[in-house]
Amino acid sequence: MKTIGYYNGQLGKLEEMQIPMQDRALYFGDGVYDFTPAYNGKMFALEDHLTRFFRSMQMLKIEPYCDRETLKTELERCVAAAESTEPMAVYWQTSRGNCRRNHVFPPEGTPTTLLITVTPLRADLKKQLKLISFEDKRFKYCHIKTLNLIPNVLAAEYAEEHGCQEAVFHRGKYMTECAHSSLVLLKDGVMLAPPLDELILPSITRAHIMTIAEKLHIPRDLRQITMDEVRDADELIVLSSSKLISRACELDGEPVGGKDTERFMKLRDGYFRMLKEETGYEMEV
């Protein structure tokens, strides 16, 4: 497939695209982003991701680069330009604009920016994940999909250095989420997850899994979850738009999960059916 880059209406090969040096995304991470996979040239759950994207802009008082339908058209244009039916990673972000560096907002009327990339999506859905715990020191804007991701970067690198694929954030004894994923548990037939607040991103994949659990008559308990409960869970399920739905087998070097295969498989199969209905793509696992 072709790798595609897009910036403010200009589309080309990703490796050849350039952006202005005064984009506030570079200075301050002053922007928001979103991401969705595409299969068979069709983006999955795009409407959900667009809703979250525009909500994130609203919470940070960023004027949209364009309206929702225009953005959808530009994303589809970039996906089509990749000329592939293989799985793709579709990423887009907006910043508050290009202007002289200043902490306060740019002058009124400064145009915002739009950046899009389309690259191959590589995810091993058969692999069980090793996790490591990491103290959550992020600020209280975690519910906004902002470009400010340094704590997440540090946590992901810490996991990499220890041979793990993901870090589990915790504030004291309570779990929040992962460095770049959501985390839900199964225990005694019940799905456990922390409630959504300013400390947790409203994961699209988590919302889908909650809906599937309801259809499967799996009870859900949304409350604060201790790290001891995480370690004692029957299943640890890692959720993201790129990883989709994966189970964990290790936390901090100790075996975890693997005790409720039947429910995990029902959830996974339900999610893959949903993906196939929307994109026509048959997931191989």
C-alpha atoms as a PDB file:
ATOM      1  CA  MET A   1       0.000   0.000   0.000  1.00  0.00           C
ATOM      2  CA  LYS A   2       0.995   3.646  -0.357  1.00  0.00           C
ATOM      3  CA  THR A   3       1.693   5.644   2.785  1.00  0.00           C
ATOM      4  CA  ILE A   4      -0.252   8.889   2.643  1.00  0.00           C
ATOM      5  CA  GLY A   5       0.303  12.280   4.248  1.00  0.00           C
ATOM      6  CA  TYR A   6      -2.065  15.246   4.249  1.00  0.00           C
ATOM      7  CA  TYR A   7      -1.702  18.756   5.617  1.00  0.00           C
ATOM      8  CA  ASN A   8      -4.267  21.543   5.181  1.00  0.00           C
ATOM      9  CA  GLY A   9      -5.624  20.208   1.909  1.00  0.00           C
ATOM     10  CA  GLN A  10      -2.335  19.046   0.390  1.00  0.00           C
ATOM     11  CA  LEU A  11      -2.026  15.272  -0.078  1.00  0.00           C
ATOM     12  CA  GLY A  12       1.061  13.301  -1.035  1.00  0.00           C
ATOM     13  CA  LYS A  13       3.543  10.624  -0.048  1.00  0.00           C
ATOM     14  CA  LEU A  14       3.959  10.673   3.716  1.00  0.00           C
ATOM     15  CA  GLU A  15       7.754  10.753   3.509  1.00  0.00           C
ATOM     16  CA  GLU A  16       7.676  13.861   1.309  1.00  0.00           C
ATOM     17  CA  MET A  17       5.138  15.960   3.238  1.00  0.00           C
ATOM     18  CA  GLN A  18       6.253  19.003   5.238  1.00  0.00           C
ATOM     19  CA  ILE A  19       4.562  21.115   7.898  1.00  0.00           C
ATOM     20  CA  PRO A  20       5.220  24.713   9.024  1.00  0.00           C
ATOM     21  CA  MET A  21       7.657  25.168  11.893  1.00  0.00           C
ATOM     22  CA  GLN A  22       5.231  27.409  13.811  1.00  0.00           C
ATOM     23  CA  ASP A  23       2.408  24.878  14.045  1.00  0.00           C
ATOM     24  CA  ARG A  24       1.318  25.010  17.698  1.00  0.00           C
ATOM     25  CA  ALA A  25       1.273  21.203  17.728  1.00  0.00           C
ATOM     26  CA  LEU A  26       5.092  21.411  17.648  1.00  0.00           C
ATOM     27  CA  TYR A  27       5.443  24.101  20.306  1.00  0.00           C
ATOM     28  CA  PHE A  28       2.829  23.083  22.842  1.00  0.00           C
ATOM     29  CA  GLY A  29       1.115  19.908  21.702  1.00  0.00           C
ATOM     30  CA  ASP A  30      -1.798  22.336  21.417  1.00  0.00           C
ATOM     31  CA  GLY A  31      -4.265  20.149  19.620  1.00  0.00           C
ATOM     32  CA  VAL A  32      -6.271  16.944  19.597  1.00  0.00           C
ATOM     33  CA  TYR A  33      -6.187  13.771  17.538  1.00  0.00           C
ATOM     34  CA  ASP A  34      -8.029  10.570  16.803  1.00  0.00           C
ATOM     35  CA  PHE A  35      -7.400   7.271  15.081  1.00  0.00           C
ATOM     36  CA  THR A  36      -9.326   4.423  13.551  1.00  0.00           C
ATOM     37  CA  PRO A  37      -8.395   1.316  11.567  1.00  0.00           C
ATOM     38  CA  ALA A  38      -9.559   0.758   8.016  1.00  0.00           C
ATOM     39  CA  TYR A  39     -10.231  -2.646   6.467  1.00  0.00           C
ATOM     40  CA  ASN A  40     -11.101  -3.251   2.827  1.00  0.00           C
ATOM     41  CA  GLY A  41     -10.685   0.494   2.377  1.00  0.00           C
ATOM     42  CA  LYS A  42     -13.473   1.201   4.903  1.00  0.00           C
ATOM     43  CA  MET A  43     -12.856   2.996   8.185  1.00  0.00           C
ATOM     44  CA  PHE A  44     -14.265   1.221  11.217  1.00  0.00           C
ATOM     45  CA  ALA A  45     -16.557   3.061  13.656  1.00  0.00           C
ATOM     46  CA  LEU A  46     -15.683   6.364  12.008  1.00  0.00           C
ATOM     47  CA  GLU A  47     -18.771   8.191  13.247  1.00  0.00           C
ATOM     48  CA  ASP A  48     -17.893   7.365  16.869  1.00  0.00           C
ATOM     49  CA  HIS A  49     -14.346   8.621  16.395  1.00  0.00           C
ATOM     50  CA  LEU A  50     -15.509  11.817  14.713  1.00  0.00           C
ATOM     51  CA  THR A  51     -17.880  12.507  17.596  1.00  0.00           C
ATOM     52  CA  ARG A  52     -15.036  12.148  20.105  1.00  0.00           C
ATOM     53  CA  PHE A  53     -12.717  14.270  17.942  1.00  0.00           C
ATOM     54  CA  PHE A  54     -15.137  17.187  17.734  1.00  0.00           C
ATOM     55  CA  ARG A  55     -15.915  16.871  21.436  1.00  0.00           C
ATOM     56  CA  SER A  56     -12.192  17.055  22.240  1.00  0.00           C
ATOM     57  CA  MET A  57     -11.861  20.225  20.150  1.00  0.00           C
ATOM     58  CA  GLN A  58     -14.828  21.763  21.912  1.00  0.00           C
ATOM     59  CA  MET A  59     -13.358  21.048  25.370  1.00  0.00           C
ATOM     60  CA  LEU A  60     -10.057  22.711  24.380  1.00  0.00           C
ATOM     61  CA  LYS A  61     -11.818  25.633  22.636  1.00  0.00           C
ATOM     62  CA  ILE A  62     -10.263  24.807  19.253  1.00  0.00           C
ATOM     63  CA  GLU A  63     -12.234  25.846  16.191  1.00  0.00           C
ATOM     64  CA  PRO A  64     -12.613  22.948  13.725  1.00  0.00           C
ATOM     65  CA  TYR A  65     -10.542  23.136  10.557  1.00  0.00           C
ATOM     66  CA  CYS A  66     -13.662  22.045   8.680  1.00  0.00           C
ATOM     67  CA  ASP A  67     -17.099  20.647   9.377  1.00  0.00           C
ATOM     68  CA  ARG A  68     -17.729  16.989  10.140  1.00  0.00           C
ATOM     69  CA  GLU A  69     -18.827  15.938   6.648  1.00  0.00           C
ATOM     70  CA  THR A  70     -15.869  17.681   5.009  1.00  0.00           C
ATOM     71  CA  LEU A  71     -13.468  15.965   7.421  1.00  0.00           C
ATOM     72  CA  LYS A  72     -15.072  12.626   6.643  1.00  0.00           C
ATOM     73  CA  THR A  73     -14.632  13.295   2.927  1.00  0.00           C
ATOM     74  CA  GLU A  74     -10.953  14.210   3.366  1.00  0.00           C
ATOM     75  CA  LEU A  75     -10.294  11.081   5.428  1.00  0.00           C
ATOM     76  CA  GLU A  76     -11.962   8.927   2.790  1.00  0.00           C
ATOM     77  CA  ARG A  77      -9.880  10.689   0.139  1.00  0.00           C
ATOM     78  CA  CYS A  78      -6.675   9.788   1.995  1.00  0.00           C
ATOM     79  CA  VAL A  79      -7.736   6.166   2.480  1.00  0.00           C
ATOM     80  CA  ALA A  80      -8.573   5.854  -1.215  1.00  0.00           C
ATOM     81  CA  ALA A  81      -5.183   7.332  -2.128  1.00  0.00           C
ATOM     82  CA  ALA A  82      -3.462   4.494  -0.230  1.00  0.00           C
ATOM     83  CA  GLU A  83      -4.825   2.110  -2.902  1.00  0.00           C
ATOM     84  CA  SER A  84      -5.074  -0.948  -0.655  1.00  0.00           C
ATOM     85  CA  THR A  85      -7.579  -3.292   0.954  1.00  0.00           C
ATOM     86  CA  GLU A  86      -5.048  -4.329   3.614  1.00  0.00           C
ATOM     87  CA  PRO A  87      -5.510  -3.097   7.199  1.00  0.00           C
ATOM     88  CA  MET A  88      -4.604   0.585   7.514  1.00  0.00           C
ATOM     89  CA  ALA A  89      -3.946   2.940  10.428  1.00  0.00           C
ATOM     90  CA  VAL A  90      -5.847   6.192   9.812  1.00  0.00           C
ATOM     91  CA  TYR A  91      -4.669   9.031  12.068  1.00  0.00           C
ATOM     92  CA  TRP A  92      -5.727  12.658  12.096  1.00  0.00           C
ATOM     93  CA  GLN A  93      -5.056  15.691  14.284  1.00  0.00           C
ATOM     94  CA  THR A  94      -5.813  19.361  14.474  1.00  0.00           C
ATOM     95  CA  SER A  95      -3.862  22.142  16.155  1.00  0.00           C
ATOM     96  CA  ARG A  96      -4.808  25.674  17.140  1.00  0.00           C
ATOM     97  CA  GLY A  97      -2.885  27.059  14.173  1.00  0.00           C
ATOM     98  CA  ASN A  98       0.386  28.431  12.794  1.00  0.00           C
ATOM     99  CA  CYS A  99       1.570  31.624  14.475  1.00  0.00           C
ATOM    100  CA  ARG A 100       4.309  33.237  16.535  1.00  0.00           C
ATOM    101  CA  ARG A 101       5.081  31.211  19.657  1.00  0.00           C
ATOM    102  CA  ASN A 102       3.006  32.518  22.542  1.00  0.00           C
ATOM    103  CA  HIS A 103       1.317  30.604  25.350  1.00  0.00           C
ATOM    104  CA  VAL A 104      -1.966  32.481  24.958  1.00  0.00           C
ATOM    105  CA  PHE A 105      -4.321  31.594  22.112  1.00  0.00           C
ATOM    106  CA  PRO A 106      -3.456  32.942  18.636  1.00  0.00           C
ATOM    107  CA  PRO A 107      -5.147  36.106  17.375  1.00  0.00           C
ATOM    108  CA  GLU A 108      -8.794  35.656  16.482  1.00  0.00           C
ATOM    109  CA  GLY A 109      -9.171  34.409  12.927  1.00  0.00           C
ATOM    110  CA  THR A 110      -5.954  32.354  12.900  1.00  0.00           C
ATOM    111  CA  PRO A 111      -6.808  29.222  10.853  1.00  0.00           C
ATOM    112  CA  THR A 112      -6.536  25.886  12.617  1.00  0.00           C
ATOM    113  CA  THR A 113      -4.704  22.986  10.969  1.00  0.00           C
ATOM    114  CA  LEU A 114      -5.529  19.468   9.839  1.00  0.00           C
ATOM    115  CA  LEU A 115      -2.996  16.668   9.484  1.00  0.00           C
ATOM    116  CA  ILE A 116      -3.831  13.127   8.297  1.00  0.00           C
ATOM    117  CA  THR A 117      -1.658  10.041   7.846  1.00  0.00           C
ATOM    118  CA  VAL A 118      -2.534   6.637   6.426  1.00  0.00           C
ATOM    119  CA  THR A 119      -0.026   3.851   7.099  1.00  0.00           C
ATOM    120  CA  PRO A 120      -0.050   0.025   7.281  1.00  0.00           C
ATOM    121  CA  LEU A 121      -1.697  -1.385  10.402  1.00  0.00           C
ATOM    122  CA  ARG A 122       0.252  -4.217  11.956  1.00  0.00           C
ATOM    123  CA  ALA A 123      -1.269  -5.945  14.954  1.00  0.00           C
ATOM    124  CA  ASP A 124      -0.707  -9.500  16.197  1.00  0.00           C
ATOM    125  CA  LEU A 125      -4.154 -10.361  17.511  1.00  0.00           C
ATOM    126  CA  LYS A 126      -3.079 -13.849  18.562  1.00  0.00           C
ATOM    127  CA  LYS A 127      -0.407 -12.630  20.945  1.00  0.00           C
ATOM    128  CA  GLN A 128      -1.221 -12.423  24.640  1.00  0.00           C
ATOM    129  CA  LEU A 129       0.178  -9.290  26.241  1.00  0.00           C
ATOM    130  CA  LYS A 130       2.638  -8.775  29.060  1.00  0.00           C
ATOM    131  CA  LEU A 131       1.774  -5.773  31.215  1.00  0.00           C
ATOM    132  CA  ILE A 132       3.676  -3.716  33.758  1.00  0.00           C
ATOM    133  CA  SER A 133       2.302  -1.278  36.335  1.00  0.00           C
ATOM    134  CA  PHE A 134       3.238   2.420  36.195  1.00  0.00           C
ATOM    135  CA  GLU A 135       2.288   5.309  38.477  1.00  0.00           C
ATOM    136  CA  ASP A 136      -0.186   7.627  36.730  1.00  0.00           C
ATOM    137  CA  LYS A 137       1.167  11.180  36.977  1.00  0.00           C
ATOM    138  CA  ARG A 138      -0.860  12.725  34.160  1.00  0.00           C
ATOM    139  CA  PHE A 139      -2.885  15.900  34.614  1.00  0.00           C
ATOM    140  CA  LYS A 140      -6.679  15.854  34.823  1.00  0.00           C
ATOM    141  CA  TYR A 141      -7.381  16.221  31.115  1.00  0.00           C
ATOM    142  CA  CYS A 142      -7.148  12.508  30.326  1.00  0.00           C
ATOM    143  CA  HIS A 143     -10.726  12.480  29.032  1.00  0.00           C
ATOM    144  CA  ILE A 144      -9.622  14.726  26.147  1.00  0.00           C
ATOM    145  CA  LYS A 145      -7.688  13.069  23.323  1.00  0.00           C
ATOM    146  CA  THR A 146      -5.012  15.744  23.416  1.00  0.00           C
ATOM    147  CA  LEU A 147      -1.604  15.685  21.731  1.00  0.00           C
ATOM    148  CA  ASN A 148       0.048  16.092  25.165  1.00  0.00           C
ATOM    149  CA  LEU A 149       1.245  12.502  25.662  1.00  0.00           C
ATOM    150  CA  ILE A 150       4.648  12.661  27.392  1.00  0.00           C
ATOM    151  CA  PRO A 151       3.525  10.608  30.450  1.00  0.00           C
ATOM    152  CA  ASN A 152       2.101   7.998  28.063  1.00  0.00           C
ATOM    153  CA  VAL A 153       5.350   7.964  26.089  1.00  0.00           C
ATOM    154  CA  LEU A 154       7.400   7.443  29.236  1.00  0.00           C
ATOM    155  CA  ALA A 155       5.108   4.634  30.388  1.00  0.00           C
ATOM    156  CA  ALA A 156       5.204   2.924  26.988  1.00  0.00           C
ATOM    157  CA  GLU A 157       9.002   3.120  26.907  1.00  0.00           C
ATOM    158  CA  TYR A 158       9.175   1.718  30.453  1.00  0.00           C
ATOM    159  CA  ALA A 159       7.052  -1.230  29.312  1.00  0.00           C
ATOM    160  CA  GLU A 160       9.274  -1.738  26.253  1.00  0.00           C
ATOM    161  CA  GLU A 161      12.433  -1.718  28.388  1.00  0.00           C
ATOM    162  CA  HIS A 162      10.954  -4.467  30.558  1.00  0.00           C
ATOM    163  CA  GLY A 163       9.848  -6.701  27.695  1.00  0.00           C
ATOM    164  CA  CYS A 164       6.170  -5.776  28.012  1.00  0.00           C
ATOM    165  CA  GLN A 165       3.654  -4.574  25.447  1.00  0.00           C
ATOM    166  CA  GLU A 166       1.646  -2.194  27.628  1.00  0.00           C
ATOM    167  CA  ALA A 167       1.779  -0.276  30.922  1.00  0.00           C
ATOM    168  CA  VAL A 168      -1.124  -0.194  33.384  1.00  0.00           C
ATOM    169  CA  PHE A 169      -1.549   3.252  34.925  1.00  0.00           C
ATOM    170  CA  HIS A 170      -2.536   3.455  38.586  1.00  0.00           C
ATOM    171  CA  ARG A 171      -3.057   6.332  40.999  1.00  0.00           C
ATOM    172  CA  GLY A 172      -2.068   4.888  44.340  1.00  0.00           C
ATOM    173  CA  LYS A 173      -3.863   1.587  44.682  1.00  0.00           C
ATOM    174  CA  TYR A 174      -6.461   2.275  41.964  1.00  0.00           C
ATOM    175  CA  MET A 175      -6.116   1.364  38.293  1.00  0.00           C
ATOM    176  CA  THR A 176      -7.074   3.984  35.684  1.00  0.00           C
ATOM    177  CA  GLU A 177      -6.204   2.768  32.167  1.00  0.00           C
ATOM    178  CA  CYS A 178      -3.186   1.777  30.069  1.00  0.00           C
ATOM    179  CA  ALA A 179      -0.589   3.957  28.374  1.00  0.00           C
ATOM    180  CA  HIS A 180      -2.316   3.721  24.997  1.00  0.00           C
ATOM    181  CA  SER A 181      -5.187   1.323  25.625  1.00  0.00           C
ATOM    182  CA  SER A 182      -8.216   0.776  27.799  1.00  0.00           C
ATOM    183  CA  LEU A 183      -8.404  -2.077  30.309  1.00  0.00           C
ATOM    184  CA  VAL A 184     -11.416  -4.047  31.531  1.00  0.00           C
ATOM    185  CA  LEU A 185     -11.533  -7.149  33.717  1.00  0.00           C
ATOM    186  CA  LEU A 186     -13.636 -10.258  34.040  1.00  0.00           C
ATOM    187  CA  LYS A 187     -14.163 -11.642  37.548  1.00  0.00           C
ATOM    188  CA  ASP A 188     -16.749 -14.242  38.544  1.00  0.00           C
ATOM    189  CA  GLY A 189     -18.678 -13.638  35.322  1.00  0.00           C
ATOM    190  CA  VAL A 190     -18.838  -9.855  35.783  1.00  0.00           C
ATOM    191  CA  MET A 191     -17.091  -7.220  33.662  1.00  0.00           C
ATOM    192  CA  LEU A 192     -15.282  -4.687  35.854  1.00  0.00           C
ATOM    193  CA  ALA A 193     -14.082  -1.263  34.710  1.00  0.00           C
ATOM    194  CA  PRO A 194     -13.422   2.126  36.289  1.00  0.00           C
ATOM    195  CA  PRO A 195     -16.050   4.812  35.639  1.00  0.00           C
ATOM    196  CA  LEU A 196     -15.275   7.407  32.986  1.00  0.00           C
ATOM    197  CA  ASP A 197     -14.092  10.726  34.422  1.00  0.00           C
ATOM    198  CA  GLU A 198     -11.330  13.279  33.815  1.00  0.00           C
ATOM    199  CA  LEU A 199      -8.695  10.588  34.537  1.00  0.00           C
ATOM    200  CA  ILE A 200      -9.745   8.196  31.766  1.00  0.00           C
ATOM    201  CA  LEU A 201     -10.167   8.534  28.003  1.00  0.00           C
ATOM    202  CA  PRO A 202     -13.625   7.517  26.737  1.00  0.00           C
ATOM    203  CA  SER A 203     -12.361   4.610  24.646  1.00  0.00           C
ATOM    204  CA  ILE A 204     -14.450   3.803  21.569  1.00  0.00           C
ATOM    205  CA  THR A 205     -13.445   0.126  21.734  1.00  0.00           C
ATOM    206  CA  ARG A 206     -14.371  -0.049  25.419  1.00  0.00           C
ATOM    207  CA  ALA A 207     -17.812   1.397  24.616  1.00  0.00           C
ATOM    208  CA  HIS A 208     -18.304  -1.264  21.921  1.00  0.00           C
ATOM    209  CA  ILE A 209     -17.251  -4.068  24.281  1.00  0.00           C
ATOM    210  CA  MET A 210     -19.639  -2.779  26.948  1.00  0.00           C
ATOM    211  CA  THR A 211     -22.474  -2.938  24.416  1.00  0.00           C
ATOM    212  CA  ILE A 212     -21.486  -6.453  23.358  1.00  0.00           C
ATOM    213  CA  ALA A 213     -21.297  -7.550  27.006  1.00  0.00           C
ATOM    214  CA  GLU A 214     -24.826  -6.272  27.522  1.00  0.00           C
ATOM    215  CA  LYS A 215     -26.062  -8.285  24.533  1.00  0.00           C
ATOM    216  CA  LEU A 216     -24.324 -11.366  25.972  1.00  0.00           C
ATOM    217  CA  HIS A 217     -25.973 -10.744  29.363  1.00  0.00           C
ATOM    218  CA  ILE A 218     -22.606 -10.256  31.048  1.00  0.00           C
ATOM    219  CA  PRO A 219     -23.168  -7.974  34.056  1.00  0.00           C
ATOM    220  CA  ARG A 220     -21.031  -4.813  34.229  1.00  0.00           C
ATOM    221  CA  ASP A 221     -19.765  -3.116  37.355  1.00  0.00           C
ATOM    222  CA  LEU A 222     -18.334   0.379  36.870  1.00  0.00           C
ATOM    223  CA  ARG A 223     -16.401   1.443  39.968  1.00  0.00           C
ATOM    224  CA  GLN A 224     -12.885   2.103  41.166  1.00  0.00           C
ATOM    225  CA  ILE A 225     -10.742  -1.004  40.659  1.00  0.00           C
ATOM    226  CA  THR A 226      -7.742  -1.740  42.861  1.00  0.00           C
ATOM    227  CA  MET A 227      -4.506  -3.089  41.464  1.00  0.00           C
ATOM    228  CA  ASP A 228      -4.992  -6.141  43.712  1.00  0.00           C
ATOM    229  CA  GLU A 229      -8.247  -6.791  41.859  1.00  0.00           C
ATOM    230  CA  VAL A 230      -6.427  -6.431  38.556  1.00  0.00           C
ATOM    231  CA  ARG A 231      -3.912  -9.082  39.609  1.00  0.00           C
ATOM    232  CA  ASP A 232      -6.694 -11.380  40.817  1.00  0.00           C
ATOM    233  CA  ALA A 233      -8.975 -11.000  37.779  1.00  0.00           C
ATOM    234  CA  ASP A 234     -10.084 -14.017  35.770  1.00  0.00           C
ATOM    235  CA  GLU A 235      -9.272 -12.102  32.561  1.00  0.00           C
ATOM    236  CA  LEU A 236      -7.478  -8.833  31.790  1.00  0.00           C
ATOM    237  CA  ILE A 237      -8.723  -7.487  28.459  1.00  0.00           C
ATOM    238  CA  VAL A 238      -6.756  -4.772  26.689  1.00  0.00           C
ATOM    239  CA  LEU A 239      -8.799  -2.677  24.253  1.00  0.00           C
ATOM    240  CA  SER A 240      -7.767  -0.157  21.602  1.00  0.00           C
ATOM    241  CA  SER A 241      -8.495   0.790  18.013  1.00  0.00           C
ATOM    242  CA  SER A 242      -5.188  -0.739  16.895  1.00  0.00           C
ATOM    243  CA  LYS A 243      -4.977  -3.799  19.200  1.00  0.00           C
ATOM    244  CA  LEU A 244      -8.758  -4.249  19.057  1.00  0.00           C
ATOM    245  CA  ILE A 245      -9.309  -6.824  21.825  1.00  0.00           C
ATOM    246  CA  SER A 246      -6.412  -8.729  23.400  1.00  0.00           C
ATOM    247  CA  ARG A 247      -6.009 -10.693  26.613  1.00  0.00           C
ATOM    248  CA  ALA A 248      -3.110 -10.235  29.014  1.00  0.00           C
ATOM    249  CA  CYS A 249      -1.121 -13.137  30.431  1.00  0.00           C
ATOM    250  CA  GLU A 250       1.334 -11.348  32.731  1.00  0.00           C
ATOM    251  CA  LEU A 251       1.491  -8.328  35.048  1.00  0.00           C
ATOM    252  CA  ASP A 252       4.733  -7.230  36.704  1.00  0.00           C
ATOM    253  CA  GLY A 253       6.335 -10.563  35.845  1.00  0.00           C
ATOM    254  CA  GLU A 254       3.550 -12.655  37.407  1.00  0.00           C
ATOM    255  CA  PRO A 255       0.968 -14.722  35.476  1.00  0.00           C
ATOM    256  CA  VAL A 256      -2.544 -13.253  35.344  1.00  0.00           C
ATOM    257  CA  GLY A 257      -5.871 -14.027  33.703  1.00  0.00           C
ATOM    258  CA  GLY A 258      -6.535 -16.996  31.490  1.00  0.00           C
ATOM    259  CA  LYS A 259      -9.384 -18.238  33.706  1.00  0.00           C
ATOM    260  CA  ASP A 260     -12.481 -17.270  31.714  1.00  0.00           C
ATOM    261  CA  THR A 261     -11.702 -18.216  28.144  1.00  0.00           C
ATOM    262  CA  GLU A 262     -15.325 -18.844  27.219  1.00  0.00           C
ATOM    263  CA  ARG A 263     -16.507 -15.316  28.029  1.00  0.00           C
ATOM    264  CA  PHE A 264     -13.412 -13.712  26.534  1.00  0.00           C
ATOM    265  CA  MET A 265     -13.950 -15.597  23.268  1.00  0.00           C
ATOM    266  CA  LYS A 266     -17.618 -14.593  23.162  1.00  0.00           C
ATOM    267  CA  LEU A 267     -16.655 -10.942  23.608  1.00  0.00           C
ATOM    268  CA  ARG A 268     -13.920 -11.157  20.999  1.00  0.00           C
ATOM    269  CA  ASP A 269     -16.110 -12.969  18.488  1.00  0.00           C
ATOM    270  CA  GLY A 270     -18.899 -10.436  19.035  1.00  0.00           C
ATOM    271  CA  TYR A 271     -16.494  -7.592  18.388  1.00  0.00           C
ATOM    272  CA  PHE A 272     -15.117  -9.192  15.230  1.00  0.00           C
ATOM    273  CA  ARG A 273     -18.657  -9.772  13.956  1.00  0.00           C
ATOM    274  CA  MET A 274     -19.349  -6.081  14.472  1.00  0.00           C
ATOM    275  CA  LEU A 275     -16.196  -5.198  12.522  1.00  0.00           C
ATOM    276  CA  LYS A 276     -17.106  -7.565   9.680  1.00  0.00           C
ATOM    277  CA  GLU A 277     -20.652  -6.198   9.435  1.00  0.00           C
ATOM    278  CA  GLU A 278     -19.289  -2.675   8.962  1.00  0.00           C
ATOM    279  CA  THR A 279     -16.228  -3.320   6.774  1.00  0.00           C
ATOM    280  CA  GLY A 280     -16.725  -6.786   5.274  1.00  0.00           C
ATOM    281  CA  TYR A 281     -13.313  -7.803   6.629  1.00  0.00           C
ATOM    282  CA  GLU A 282     -12.908 -11.329   8.061  1.00  0.00           C
ATOM    283  CA  MET A 283     -10.520 -11.150  11.000  1.00  0.00           C
ATOM    284  CA  GLU A 284      -8.068 -14.042  11.121  1.00  0.00           C
ATOM    285  CA  VAL A 285      -7.213 -15.178  14.662  1.00  0.00           C
END
